[in-house]
PDB file of all heavy atoms in Angstrom:
ATOM      1  N   ARG A   1     -46.565  -1.129  25.547  1.00  0.00           N
ATOM      2  CA  ARG A   1     -46.797  -1.917  24.326  1.00  0.00           C
ATOM      3  C   ARG A   1     -46.326  -1.210  23.063  1.00  0.00           C
ATOM      4  O   ARG A   1     -45.909  -1.852  22.106  1.00  0.00           O
ATOM      5  CB  ARG A   1     -48.272  -2.255  24.192  1.00  0.00           C
ATOM      6  CG  ARG A   1     -48.741  -3.227  25.205  1.00  0.00           C
ATOM      7  CD  ARG A   1     -50.186  -3.555  24.950  1.00  0.00           C
ATOM      8  NE  ARG A   1     -50.675  -4.476  25.961  1.00  0.00           N
ATOM      9  CZ  ARG A   1     -51.866  -4.992  25.952  1.00  0.00           C
ATOM     10  NH1 ARG A   1     -52.717  -4.667  24.999  1.00  0.00           N
ATOM     11  NH2 ARG A   1     -52.231  -5.818  26.889  1.00  0.00           N
ATOM     12  N   VAL A   2     -46.466   0.094  23.040  1.00  0.00           N
ATOM     13  CA  VAL A   2     -46.116   0.851  21.840  1.00  0.00           C
ATOM     14  C   VAL A   2     -45.126   1.931  22.226  1.00  0.00           C
ATOM     15  O   VAL A   2     -45.348   2.672  23.181  1.00  0.00           O
ATOM     16  CB  VAL A   2     -47.367   1.506  21.202  1.00  0.00           C
ATOM     17  CG1 VAL A   2     -46.977   2.382  20.032  1.00  0.00           C
ATOM     18  CG2 VAL A   2     -48.374   0.448  20.800  1.00  0.00           C
ATOM     19  N   VAL A   3     -44.045   2.011  21.474  1.00  0.00           N
ATOM     20  CA  VAL A   3     -43.056   3.073  21.692  1.00  0.00           C
ATOM     21  C   VAL A   3     -42.832   3.750  20.355  1.00  0.00           C
ATOM     22  O   VAL A   3     -42.590   3.109  19.347  1.00  0.00           O
ATOM     23  CB  VAL A   3     -41.721   2.490  22.217  1.00  0.00           C
ATOM     24  CG1 VAL A   3     -40.675   3.567  22.330  1.00  0.00           C
ATOM     25  CG2 VAL A   3     -41.916   1.804  23.566  1.00  0.00           C
ATOM     26  N   PHE A   4     -42.953   5.050  20.349  1.00  0.00           N
ATOM     27  CA  PHE A   4     -42.777   5.852  19.142  1.00  0.00           C
ATOM     28  C   PHE A   4     -41.337   6.306  19.070  1.00  0.00           C
ATOM     29  O   PHE A   4     -40.806   6.888  20.013  1.00  0.00           O
ATOM     30  CB  PHE A   4     -43.729   7.061  19.185  1.00  0.00           C
ATOM     31  CG  PHE A   4     -43.600   7.982  18.007  1.00  0.00           C
ATOM     32  CD1 PHE A   4     -44.035   7.579  16.767  1.00  0.00           C
ATOM     33  CD2 PHE A   4     -43.073   9.236  18.156  1.00  0.00           C
ATOM     34  CE1 PHE A   4     -43.931   8.433  15.669  1.00  0.00           C
ATOM     35  CE2 PHE A   4     -42.976  10.097  17.078  1.00  0.00           C
ATOM     36  CZ  PHE A   4     -43.408   9.700  15.824  1.00  0.00           C
ATOM     37  N   VAL A   5     -40.680   6.031  17.952  1.00  0.00           N
ATOM     38  CA  VAL A   5     -39.287   6.437  17.756  1.00  0.00           C
ATOM     39  C   VAL A   5     -39.269   7.501  16.675  1.00  0.00           C
ATOM     40  O   VAL A   5     -39.679   7.248  15.537  1.00  0.00           O
ATOM     41  CB  VAL A   5     -38.411   5.229  17.331  1.00  0.00           C
ATOM     42  CG1 VAL A   5     -36.973   5.674  17.089  1.00  0.00           C
ATOM     43  CG2 VAL A   5     -38.468   4.137  18.398  1.00  0.00           C
ATOM     44  N   ALA A   6     -38.824   8.694  17.033  1.00  0.00           N
ATOM     45  CA  ALA A   6     -38.791   9.803  16.070  1.00  0.00           C
ATOM     46  C   ALA A   6     -37.393  10.397  16.030  1.00  0.00           C
ATOM     47  O   ALA A   6     -36.636  10.300  16.989  1.00  0.00           O
ATOM     48  CB  ALA A   6     -39.785  10.884  16.483  1.00  0.00           C
ATOM     49  N   GLY A   7     -37.074  11.006  14.927  1.00  0.00           N
ATOM     50  CA  GLY A   7     -35.771  11.651  14.803  1.00  0.00           C
ATOM     51  C   GLY A   7     -35.551  12.097  13.381  1.00  0.00           C
ATOM     52  O   GLY A   7     -36.376  11.864  12.490  1.00  0.00           O
ATOM     53  N   ALA A   8     -34.409  12.717  13.187  1.00  0.00           N
ATOM     54  CA  ALA A   8     -34.057  13.214  11.848  1.00  0.00           C
ATOM     55  C   ALA A   8     -33.884  12.058  10.874  1.00  0.00           C
ATOM     56  O   ALA A   8     -33.735  10.902  11.277  1.00  0.00           O
ATOM     57  CB  ALA A   8     -32.764  14.024  11.943  1.00  0.00           C
ATOM     58  N   ARG A   9     -33.872  12.368   9.609  1.00  0.00           N
ATOM     59  CA  ARG A   9     -33.667  11.359   8.570  1.00  0.00           C
ATOM     60  C   ARG A   9     -32.254  10.785   8.676  1.00  0.00           C
ATOM     61  O   ARG A   9     -31.306  11.480   9.038  1.00  0.00           O
ATOM     62  CB  ARG A   9     -33.834  11.974   7.187  1.00  0.00           C
ATOM     63  CG  ARG A   9     -35.251  12.459   6.926  1.00  0.00           C
ATOM     64  CD  ARG A   9     -35.397  13.046   5.512  1.00  0.00           C
ATOM     65  NE  ARG A   9     -35.325  11.975   4.534  1.00  0.00           N
ATOM     66  CZ  ARG A   9     -34.436  11.956   3.540  1.00  0.00           C
ATOM     67  NH1 ARG A   9     -33.589  12.950   3.381  1.00  0.00           N
ATOM     68  NH2 ARG A   9     -34.419  10.955   2.671  1.00  0.00           N
ATOM     69  N   GLN A  10     -32.151   9.497   8.356  1.00  0.00           N
ATOM     70  CA  GLN A  10     -30.849   8.834   8.222  1.00  0.00           C
ATOM     71  C   GLN A  10     -30.024   8.765   9.506  1.00  0.00           C
ATOM     72  O   GLN A  10     -28.788   8.787   9.457  1.00  0.00           O
ATOM     73  CB  GLN A  10     -30.029   9.520   7.120  1.00  0.00           C
ATOM     74  CG  GLN A  10     -30.699   9.551   5.763  1.00  0.00           C
ATOM     75  CD  GLN A  10     -30.782   8.163   5.138  1.00  0.00           C
ATOM     76  OE1 GLN A  10     -29.811   7.450   5.079  1.00  0.00           O
ATOM     77  NE2 GLN A  10     -31.987   7.795   4.714  1.00  0.00           N
ATOM     78  N   VAL A  11     -30.677   8.669  10.659  1.00  0.00           N
ATOM     79  CA  VAL A  11     -29.919   8.582  11.913  1.00  0.00           C
ATOM     80  C   VAL A  11     -29.946   7.179  12.523  1.00  0.00           C
ATOM     81  O   VAL A  11     -29.329   6.962  13.561  1.00  0.00           O
ATOM     82  CB  VAL A  11     -30.402   9.619  12.963  1.00  0.00           C
ATOM     83  CG1 VAL A  11     -30.171  11.039  12.470  1.00  0.00           C
ATOM     84  CG2 VAL A  11     -31.859   9.404  13.340  1.00  0.00           C
ATOM     85  N   GLY A  12     -30.666   6.243  11.908  1.00  0.00           N
ATOM     86  CA  GLY A  12     -30.660   4.858  12.368  1.00  0.00           C
ATOM     87  C   GLY A  12     -31.901   4.380  13.100  1.00  0.00           C
ATOM     88  O   GLY A  12     -31.865   3.341  13.759  1.00  0.00           O
ATOM     89  N   LYS A  13     -32.997   5.107  12.986  1.00  0.00           N
ATOM     90  CA  LYS A  13     -34.245   4.707  13.692  1.00  0.00           C
ATOM     91  C   LYS A  13     -34.716   3.335  13.232  1.00  0.00           C
ATOM     92  O   LYS A  13     -34.987   2.459  14.043  1.00  0.00           O
ATOM     93  CB  LYS A  13     -35.348   5.735  13.444  1.00  0.00           C
ATOM     94  CG  LYS A  13     -35.043   7.128  13.924  1.00  0.00           C
ATOM     95  CD  LYS A  13     -36.154   8.105  13.576  1.00  0.00           C
ATOM     96  CE  LYS A  13     -36.418   8.246  12.108  1.00  0.00           C
ATOM     97  NZ  LYS A  13     -35.377   8.903  11.327  1.00  0.00           N
ATOM     98  N   THR A  14     -34.817   3.143  11.946  1.00  0.00           N
ATOM     99  CA  THR A  14     -35.290   1.874  11.404  1.00  0.00           C
ATOM    100  C   THR A  14     -34.322   0.749  11.711  1.00  0.00           C
ATOM    101  O   THR A  14     -34.714  -0.351  12.124  1.00  0.00           O
ATOM    102  CB  THR A  14     -35.523   1.982   9.877  1.00  0.00           C
ATOM    103  OG1 THR A  14     -36.491   3.001   9.640  1.00  0.00           O
ATOM    104  CG2 THR A  14     -36.012   0.670   9.296  1.00  0.00           C
ATOM    105  N   THR A  15     -33.035   1.002  11.544  1.00  0.00           N
ATOM    106  CA  THR A  15     -32.029  -0.015  11.839  1.00  0.00           C
ATOM    107  C   THR A  15     -32.111  -0.443  13.298  1.00  0.00           C
ATOM    108  O   THR A  15     -32.105  -1.645  13.597  1.00  0.00           O
ATOM    109  CB  THR A  15     -30.625   0.530  11.521  1.00  0.00           C
ATOM    110  OG1 THR A  15     -30.569   0.866  10.132  1.00  0.00           O
ATOM    111  CG2 THR A  15     -29.548  -0.496  11.830  1.00  0.00           C
ATOM    112  N   LEU A  16     -32.209   0.492  14.211  1.00  0.00           N
ATOM    113  CA  LEU A  16     -32.290   0.172  15.626  1.00  0.00           C
ATOM    114  C   LEU A  16     -33.536  -0.637  15.951  1.00  0.00           C
ATOM    115  O   LEU A  16     -33.462  -1.668  16.632  1.00  0.00           O
ATOM    116  CB  LEU A  16     -32.279   1.465  16.462  1.00  0.00           C
ATOM    117  CG  LEU A  16     -32.475   1.287  17.966  1.00  0.00           C
ATOM    118  CD1 LEU A  16     -31.380   0.426  18.562  1.00  0.00           C
ATOM    119  CD2 LEU A  16     -32.518   2.646  18.653  1.00  0.00           C
ATOM    120  N   THR A  17     -34.692  -0.204  15.463  1.00  0.00           N
ATOM    121  CA  THR A  17     -35.922  -0.925  15.783  1.00  0.00           C
ATOM    122  C   THR A  17     -35.926  -2.331  15.166  1.00  0.00           C
ATOM    123  O   THR A  17     -36.373  -3.287  15.800  1.00  0.00           O
ATOM    124  CB  THR A  17     -37.173  -0.143  15.337  1.00  0.00           C
ATOM    125  OG1 THR A  17     -37.078   0.188  13.955  1.00  0.00           O
ATOM    126  CG2 THR A  17     -37.341   1.131  16.145  1.00  0.00           C
ATOM    127  N   ARG A  18     -35.395  -2.471  13.986  1.00  0.00           N
ATOM    128  CA  ARG A  18     -35.338  -3.800  13.356  1.00  0.00           C
ATOM    129  C   ARG A  18     -34.354  -4.715  14.086  1.00  0.00           C
ATOM    130  O   ARG A  18     -34.603  -5.915  14.213  1.00  0.00           O
ATOM    131  CB  ARG A  18     -34.993  -3.691  11.883  1.00  0.00           C
ATOM    132  CG  ARG A  18     -36.158  -3.140  11.102  1.00  0.00           C
ATOM    133  CD  ARG A  18     -35.947  -3.169   9.628  1.00  0.00           C
ATOM    134  NE  ARG A  18     -37.168  -2.648   9.003  1.00  0.00           N
ATOM    135  CZ  ARG A  18     -37.259  -2.364   7.741  1.00  0.00           C
ATOM    136  NH1 ARG A  18     -36.252  -2.556   6.935  1.00  0.00           N
ATOM    137  NH2 ARG A  18     -38.383  -1.899   7.250  1.00  0.00           N
ATOM    138  N   GLU A  19     -33.249  -4.176  14.575  1.00  0.00           N
ATOM    139  CA  GLU A  19     -32.292  -4.985  15.354  1.00  0.00           C
ATOM    140  C   GLU A  19     -32.974  -5.507  16.617  1.00  0.00           C
ATOM    141  O   GLU A  19     -32.826  -6.686  16.953  1.00  0.00           O
ATOM    142  CB  GLU A  19     -31.106  -4.120  15.789  1.00  0.00           C
ATOM    143  CG  GLU A  19     -30.047  -3.929  14.756  1.00  0.00           C
ATOM    144  CD  GLU A  19     -28.920  -3.056  15.309  1.00  0.00           C
ATOM    145  OE1 GLU A  19     -28.923  -2.714  16.520  1.00  0.00           O
ATOM    146  OE2 GLU A  19     -28.043  -2.692  14.523  1.00  0.00           O
ATOM    147  N   ILE A  20     -33.675  -4.638  17.318  1.00  0.00           N
ATOM    148  CA  ILE A  20     -34.340  -5.023  18.556  1.00  0.00           C
ATOM    149  C   ILE A  20     -35.459  -6.048  18.261  1.00  0.00           C
ATOM    150  O   ILE A  20     -35.613  -7.041  18.966  1.00  0.00           O
ATOM    151  CB  ILE A  20     -34.866  -3.808  19.308  1.00  0.00           C
ATOM    152  CG1 ILE A  20     -33.677  -2.997  19.846  1.00  0.00           C
ATOM    153  CG2 ILE A  20     -35.806  -4.207  20.444  1.00  0.00           C
ATOM    154  CD1 ILE A  20     -34.028  -1.651  20.427  1.00  0.00           C
ATOM    155  N   ALA A  21     -36.207  -5.824  17.182  1.00  0.00           N
ATOM    156  CA  ALA A  21     -37.285  -6.735  16.826  1.00  0.00           C
ATOM    157  C   ALA A  21     -36.770  -8.117  16.439  1.00  0.00           C
ATOM    158  O   ALA A  21     -37.435  -9.117  16.630  1.00  0.00           O
ATOM    159  CB  ALA A  21     -38.106  -6.142  15.675  1.00  0.00           C
ATOM    160  N   ALA A  22     -35.580  -8.175  15.869  1.00  0.00           N
ATOM    161  CA  ALA A  22     -35.001  -9.442  15.450  1.00  0.00           C
ATOM    162  C   ALA A  22     -34.270 -10.145  16.595  1.00  0.00           C
ATOM    163  O   ALA A  22     -33.915 -11.311  16.470  1.00  0.00           O
ATOM    164  CB  ALA A  22     -34.028  -9.211  14.301  1.00  0.00           C
ATOM    165  N   GLY A  23     -34.076  -9.433  17.699  1.00  0.00           N
ATOM    166  CA  GLY A  23     -33.289  -9.997  18.791  1.00  0.00           C
ATOM    167  C   GLY A  23     -34.040 -10.108  20.081  1.00  0.00           C
ATOM    168  O   GLY A  23     -34.947 -10.913  20.226  1.00  0.00           O
ATOM    169  N   GLU A  24     -33.682  -9.242  21.015  1.00  0.00           N
ATOM    170  CA  GLU A  24     -34.144  -9.374  22.387  1.00  0.00           C
ATOM    171  C   GLU A  24     -35.599  -9.023  22.654  1.00  0.00           C
ATOM    172  O   GLU A  24     -36.131  -9.327  23.716  1.00  0.00           O
ATOM    173  CB  GLU A  24     -33.251  -8.587  23.360  1.00  0.00           C
ATOM    174  CG  GLU A  24     -33.209  -7.090  23.114  1.00  0.00           C
ATOM    175  CD  GLU A  24     -32.070  -6.651  22.250  1.00  0.00           C
ATOM    176  OE1 GLU A  24     -31.877  -7.181  21.151  1.00  0.00           O
ATOM    177  OE2 GLU A  24     -31.357  -5.730  22.675  1.00  0.00           O
ATOM    178  N   HIS A  25     -36.289  -8.395  21.725  1.00  0.00           N
ATOM    179  CA  HIS A  25     -37.684  -8.026  21.952  1.00  0.00           C
ATOM    180  C   HIS A  25     -38.477  -8.186  20.654  1.00  0.00           C
ATOM    181  O   HIS A  25     -38.767  -7.200  19.971  1.00  0.00           O
ATOM    182  CB  HIS A  25     -37.773  -6.581  22.442  1.00  0.00           C
ATOM    183  CG  HIS A  25     -39.026  -6.255  23.157  1.00  0.00           C
ATOM    184  ND1 HIS A  25     -40.263  -6.348  22.580  1.00  0.00           N
ATOM    185  CD2 HIS A  25     -39.244  -5.854  24.421  1.00  0.00           C
ATOM    186  CE1 HIS A  25     -41.176  -5.992  23.438  1.00  0.00           C
ATOM    187  NE2 HIS A  25     -40.586  -5.710  24.570  1.00  0.00           N
ATOM    188  N   PRO A  26     -38.850  -9.425  20.308  1.00  0.00           N
ATOM    189  CA  PRO A  26     -39.577  -9.645  19.056  1.00  0.00           C
ATOM    190  C   PRO A  26     -40.861  -8.808  18.980  1.00  0.00           C
ATOM    191  O   PRO A  26     -41.591  -8.714  19.971  1.00  0.00           O
ATOM    192  CB  PRO A  26     -39.907 -11.133  19.086  1.00  0.00           C
ATOM    193  CG  PRO A  26     -38.924 -11.727  20.037  1.00  0.00           C
ATOM    194  CD  PRO A  26     -38.642 -10.645  21.051  1.00  0.00           C
ATOM    195  N   MET A  27     -41.097  -8.208  17.842  1.00  0.00           N
ATOM    196  CA  MET A  27     -42.279  -7.360  17.663  1.00  0.00           C
ATOM    197  C   MET A  27     -42.598  -7.224  16.198  1.00  0.00           C
ATOM    198  O   MET A  27     -41.793  -7.563  15.346  1.00  0.00           O
ATOM    199  CB  MET A  27     -42.027  -5.990  18.272  1.00  0.00           C
ATOM    200  CG  MET A  27     -40.967  -5.180  17.548  1.00  0.00           C
ATOM    201  SD  MET A  27     -40.596  -3.618  18.306  1.00  0.00           S
ATOM    202  CE  MET A  27     -39.076  -4.038  19.148  1.00  0.00           C
ATOM    203  N   THR A  28     -43.766  -6.701  15.930  1.00  0.00           N
ATOM    204  CA  THR A  28     -44.169  -6.376  14.564  1.00  0.00           C
ATOM    205  C   THR A  28     -43.842  -4.912  14.320  1.00  0.00           C
ATOM    206  O   THR A  28     -44.182  -4.058  15.120  1.00  0.00           O
ATOM    207  CB  THR A  28     -45.698  -6.592  14.388  1.00  0.00           C
ATOM    208  OG1 THR A  28     -45.996  -7.952  14.673  1.00  0.00           O
ATOM    209  CG2 THR A  28     -46.140  -6.238  12.982  1.00  0.00           C
ATOM    210  N   ILE A  29     -43.175  -4.652  13.227  1.00  0.00           N
ATOM    211  CA  ILE A  29     -42.848  -3.277  12.853  1.00  0.00           C
ATOM    212  C   ILE A  29     -43.697  -2.901  11.642  1.00  0.00           C
ATOM    213  O   ILE A  29     -43.719  -3.629  10.652  1.00  0.00           O
ATOM    214  CB  ILE A  29     -41.364  -3.122  12.516  1.00  0.00           C
ATOM    215  CG1 ILE A  29     -40.507  -3.414  13.739  1.00  0.00           C
ATOM    216  CG2 ILE A  29     -41.077  -1.729  11.982  1.00  0.00           C
ATOM    217  CD1 ILE A  29     -39.024  -3.376  13.465  1.00  0.00           C
ATOM    218  N   LEU A  30     -44.381  -1.784  11.748  1.00  0.00           N
ATOM    219  CA  LEU A  30     -45.196  -1.284  10.632  1.00  0.00           C
ATOM    220  C   LEU A  30     -44.666   0.082  10.227  1.00  0.00           C
ATOM    221  O   LEU A  30     -44.367   0.913  11.087  1.00  0.00           O
ATOM    222  CB  LEU A  30     -46.657  -1.140  11.056  1.00  0.00           C
ATOM    223  CG  LEU A  30     -47.347  -2.409  11.519  1.00  0.00           C
ATOM    224  CD1 LEU A  30     -48.724  -2.089  12.073  1.00  0.00           C
ATOM    225  CD2 LEU A  30     -47.449  -3.397  10.382  1.00  0.00           C
ATOM    226  N   SER A  31     -44.586   0.323   8.944  1.00  0.00           N
ATOM    227  CA  SER A  31     -44.168   1.622   8.455  1.00  0.00           C
ATOM    228  C   SER A  31     -45.291   2.209   7.602  1.00  0.00           C
ATOM    229  O   SER A  31     -45.687   1.622   6.598  1.00  0.00           O
ATOM    230  CB  SER A  31     -42.897   1.523   7.617  1.00  0.00           C
ATOM    231  OG  SER A  31     -42.612   2.776   7.039  1.00  0.00           O
ATOM    232  N   LEU A  32     -45.767   3.350   8.006  1.00  0.00           N
ATOM    233  CA  LEU A  32     -46.791   4.023   7.222  1.00  0.00           C
ATOM    234  C   LEU A  32     -46.197   4.766   6.036  1.00  0.00           C
ATOM    235  O   LEU A  32     -46.907   5.422   5.279  1.00  0.00           O
ATOM    236  CB  LEU A  32     -47.614   4.950   8.122  1.00  0.00           C
ATOM    237  CG  LEU A  32     -48.373   4.228   9.231  1.00  0.00           C
ATOM    238  CD1 LEU A  32     -49.137   5.234  10.089  1.00  0.00           C
ATOM    239  CD2 LEU A  32     -49.324   3.179   8.689  1.00  0.00           C
TER     240      LEU A  32
END
C-alpha cells in the first residue's frame, strides 16, 4: 500500500510518482 521513494535532490522522484499517480496506478500523494 505504501512505497517510500527516496533519493538525491532533483533526480525526478516527484515527477515519477506524479506520472504513476496520474496514469496506471491512481493514488494520493502527500508531501510533508
